[in-house]
């Protein structure tokens, strides 16, 4: 191959860039820039902490650089990358004892600015905090499936591809997570109501 400048590399498919990445730092940079933002969004949905998500994504890319897989085409690279990043995020949460830093669900896409009274805004913030806390308490595999389904609107098949599980398993995880979140919120809201009476 001739000279490998950035414009040449930017037009190469992912599989070729991955093959060149070990010997050409610019190829790796192009691959990273092409996929890092979306991969961080995938990881961020699971970890719910920007700094930790960025570290997991960087670690995932470094592992791919050190041990590149043999792939057939761009679609398989993206799937492989997101599966690796998802698994690393789940491992990270296990390592951390499932105690990530607390952040609200607004990390995952923001809450639209609405015309709310201060009381309504406070109530909404409390509900978001309760939901976030309940989601953080889910086991990592349930959390990943639930957030990919609820926040990203992914199909069960797409989620299964990311987390390496069949559709029935993903459906069970999503359903179970949904039930756990609702139960946790009902327990908290019920105790709040009884405290105010």
Protein backbone atom coordinates (compact mmCIF):
# COMPACT_ATOMS: atom_id res chain seq x y z
CA UNK A 1 0.00 0.00 0.00
CA UNK A 2 1.23 3.51 -0.80
CA UNK A 3 1.56 6.40 1.58
CA UNK A 4 -0.84 6.15 4.50
CA UNK A 5 -2.03 9.69 5.10
CA UNK A 6 -5.13 10.57 7.07
CA UNK A 7 -7.33 11.13 4.00
CA UNK A 8 -6.41 7.70 2.64
CA UNK A 9 -6.98 6.03 5.99
CA UNK A 10 -10.32 7.78 6.53
CA UNK A 11 -11.68 6.02 3.45
CA UNK A 12 -10.61 2.52 4.48
CA UNK A 13 -13.09 0.06 5.96
CA UNK A 14 -12.81 -0.78 9.65
CA UNK A 15 -11.36 -4.25 9.12
CA UNK A 16 -8.46 -2.81 7.09
CA UNK A 17 -7.85 -0.04 9.62
CA UNK A 18 -7.76 -2.60 12.40
CA UNK A 19 -5.19 -4.62 10.45
CA UNK A 20 -3.01 -1.54 9.97
CA UNK A 21 -3.44 -0.21 13.52
CA UNK A 22 -0.64 -2.19 15.12
CA UNK A 23 2.00 -0.66 12.82
CA UNK A 24 0.38 2.72 12.04
CA UNK A 25 -0.79 4.92 14.91
CA UNK A 26 -2.78 7.11 12.53
CA UNK A 27 -4.85 4.11 11.43
CA UNK A 28 -5.70 3.42 15.05
CA UNK A 29 -6.57 7.10 15.61
CA UNK A 30 -8.97 7.06 12.64
CA UNK A 31 -10.62 3.88 13.91
CA UNK A 32 -10.91 5.33 17.41
CA UNK A 33 -12.41 8.63 16.21
CA UNK A 34 -14.85 6.75 13.99
CA UNK A 35 -16.26 4.62 16.83
CA UNK A 36 -15.37 6.10 20.23
CA UNK A 37 -18.38 8.40 20.64
CA UNK A 38 -20.99 5.71 19.98
CA UNK A 39 -19.06 3.14 22.01
CA UNK A 40 -18.91 5.57 24.93
CA UNK A 41 -22.69 6.02 24.67
CA UNK A 42 -23.13 2.24 24.85
CA UNK A 43 -20.83 1.96 27.86
CA UNK A 44 -22.27 5.07 29.49
CA UNK A 45 -25.72 3.50 29.53
CA UNK A 46 -24.35 0.68 31.67
CA UNK A 47 -21.87 2.47 33.93
CA UNK A 48 -23.70 5.81 34.20
CA UNK A 49 -20.51 7.75 34.88
CA UNK A 50 -18.74 9.68 32.12
CA UNK A 51 -15.18 9.36 33.40
CA UNK A 52 -15.46 5.64 34.09
CA UNK A 53 -17.15 5.08 30.73
CA UNK A 54 -14.32 6.90 28.94
CA UNK A 55 -11.76 4.74 30.76
CA UNK A 56 -13.59 1.53 29.82
CA UNK A 57 -13.81 2.61 26.17
CA UNK A 58 -10.12 3.50 26.05
CA UNK A 59 -9.24 0.18 27.67
CA UNK A 60 -11.42 -1.67 25.15
CA UNK A 61 -9.68 0.00 22.22
CA UNK A 62 -6.24 -0.67 23.68
CA UNK A 63 -7.11 -4.34 24.08
CA UNK A 64 -8.28 -4.47 20.45
CA UNK A 65 -5.00 -2.87 19.40
CA UNK A 66 -2.97 -5.41 21.37
CA UNK A 67 -5.09 -8.41 20.30
CA UNK A 68 -6.92 -7.56 17.07
CA UNK A 69 -9.66 -10.02 16.11
CA UNK A 70 -10.02 -11.46 12.62
CA UNK A 71 -13.18 -9.93 11.18
CA UNK A 72 -15.19 -10.01 7.98
CA UNK A 73 -16.44 -6.49 7.21
CA UNK A 74 -17.37 -3.29 9.03
CA UNK A 75 -20.66 -4.48 10.52
CA UNK A 76 -18.91 -7.28 12.35
CA UNK A 77 -16.28 -4.87 13.71
CA UNK A 78 -18.91 -2.56 15.19
CA UNK A 79 -20.80 -5.49 16.71
CA UNK A 80 -17.58 -6.97 18.05
CA UNK A 81 -16.43 -3.62 19.46
CA UNK A 82 -19.74 -2.95 21.22
CA UNK A 83 -19.88 -6.49 22.59
CA UNK A 84 -16.33 -6.15 23.98
CA UNK A 85 -17.13 -2.73 25.45
CA UNK A 86 -20.38 -3.99 26.99
CA UNK A 87 -18.61 -6.95 28.57
CA UNK A 88 -15.83 -4.68 29.89
CA UNK A 89 -18.45 -2.33 31.36
CA UNK A 90 -20.17 -5.22 33.12
CA UNK A 91 -16.81 -6.50 34.39
CA UNK A 92 -15.95 -2.99 35.57
CA UNK A 93 -19.16 -2.79 37.62
CA UNK A 94 -18.48 -6.18 39.15
CA UNK A 95 -14.93 -5.13 40.00
CA UNK A 96 -16.21 -1.92 41.52
CA UNK A 97 -18.74 -3.80 43.62
CA UNK A 98 -21.71 -2.39 41.71
CA UNK A 99 -21.23 0.96 43.42
CA UNK A 100 -20.73 3.43 40.57
CA UNK A 101 -20.75 7.15 41.25
CA UNK A 102 -24.30 8.45 41.48
CA UNK A 103 -25.49 10.46 38.52
CA UNK A 104 -29.02 11.11 37.34
CA UNK A 105 -30.65 9.61 34.28
CA UNK A 106 -30.21 12.95 32.61
CA UNK A 107 -26.71 11.65 31.71
CA UNK A 108 -28.46 9.36 29.25
CA UNK A 109 -30.02 12.05 27.14
CA UNK A 110 -31.21 14.94 29.19
CA UNK A 111 -34.58 15.92 30.51
CA UNK A 112 -36.40 18.30 28.23
CA UNK A 113 -36.81 21.77 29.64
CA UNK A 114 -40.50 22.02 30.35
CA UNK A 115 -42.67 24.71 31.87
CA UNK A 116 -42.86 23.23 35.34
CA UNK A 117 -43.65 24.83 38.63
CA UNK A 118 -40.87 24.52 41.22
CA UNK A 119 -42.88 21.79 42.98
CA UNK A 120 -43.36 19.85 39.75
CA UNK A 121 -39.67 20.19 38.89
CA UNK A 122 -38.75 18.96 42.38
CA UNK A 123 -41.13 15.99 42.10
CA UNK A 124 -39.75 15.11 38.68
CA UNK A 125 -36.17 15.31 39.94
CA UNK A 126 -37.04 13.06 42.89
CA UNK A 127 -38.64 10.47 40.59
CA UNK A 128 -35.59 10.55 38.31
CA UNK A 129 -33.30 10.12 41.31
CA UNK A 130 -35.39 7.17 42.56
CA UNK A 131 -35.35 5.55 39.13
CA UNK A 132 -31.61 6.11 38.78
CA UNK A 133 -30.94 4.62 42.20
CA UNK A 134 -33.15 1.60 41.39
CA UNK A 135 -31.36 1.08 38.06
CA UNK A 136 -27.95 1.31 39.74
CA UNK A 137 -29.03 -1.50 42.09
CA UNK A 138 -29.76 -3.88 39.18
CA UNK A 139 -27.19 -6.54 38.42
CA UNK A 140 -25.00 -5.38 35.50
CA UNK A 141 -26.45 -7.77 32.89
CA UNK A 142 -30.04 -6.76 33.68
CA UNK A 143 -29.04 -3.09 33.74
CA UNK A 144 -27.41 -3.29 30.32
CA UNK A 145 -30.41 -5.03 28.72
CA UNK A 146 -32.90 -2.70 30.41
CA UNK A 147 -31.14 0.53 29.46
CA UNK A 148 -30.48 -0.56 25.88
CA UNK A 149 -34.19 -1.37 25.55
CA UNK A 150 -35.70 1.58 27.43
CA UNK A 151 -33.30 4.40 26.58
CA UNK A 152 -31.98 3.33 23.19
CA UNK A 153 -35.10 1.53 21.95
CA UNK A 154 -33.01 -1.40 20.71
CA UNK A 155 -34.71 -4.61 19.68
CA UNK A 156 -34.20 -7.74 21.75
CA UNK A 157 -32.11 -9.16 18.92
CA UNK A 158 -29.84 -6.08 18.80
CA UNK A 159 -29.35 -6.23 22.54
CA UNK A 160 -28.65 -9.96 22.33
CA UNK A 161 -25.92 -9.30 19.76
CA UNK A 162 -24.31 -6.75 22.09
CA UNK A 163 -24.46 -8.81 25.27
CA UNK A 164 -24.01 -12.23 23.66
CA UNK A 165 -27.37 -13.64 24.76
CA UNK A 166 -30.41 -15.03 22.95
CA UNK A 167 -33.61 -12.98 22.62
CA UNK A 168 -35.48 -14.96 25.31
CA UNK A 169 -32.73 -14.33 27.84
CA UNK A 170 -32.69 -10.63 26.96
CA UNK A 171 -36.49 -10.44 27.28
CA UNK A 172 -36.31 -12.06 30.74
CA UNK A 173 -33.59 -9.64 31.84
CA UNK A 174 -35.53 -6.61 30.59
CA UNK A 175 -38.78 -7.80 32.20
CA UNK A 176 -37.13 -8.64 35.49
CA UNK A 177 -35.25 -5.32 35.56
CA UNK A 178 -38.45 -3.40 34.81
CA UNK A 179 -40.24 -5.15 37.66
CA UNK A 180 -37.36 -4.50 40.08
CA UNK A 181 -37.23 -0.80 39.17
CA UNK A 182 -41.00 -0.39 39.57
CA UNK A 183 -41.00 -2.25 42.90
CA UNK A 184 -38.13 -0.13 44.22
CA UNK A 185 -39.85 3.09 43.18
CA UNK A 186 -43.17 1.94 44.67
CA UNK A 187 -41.45 1.08 47.96
CA UNK A 188 -39.79 4.49 48.10
CA UNK A 189 -42.86 6.43 46.99
CA UNK A 190 -45.04 4.47 49.41
CA UNK A 191 -42.74 5.24 52.32
CA UNK A 192 -42.63 8.92 51.30
CA UNK A 193 -46.42 9.09 51.27
CA UNK A 194 -46.69 7.48 54.71
CA UNK A 195 -44.12 9.93 56.09
CA UNK A 196 -46.18 12.88 54.87
CA UNK A 197 -49.44 11.62 56.40
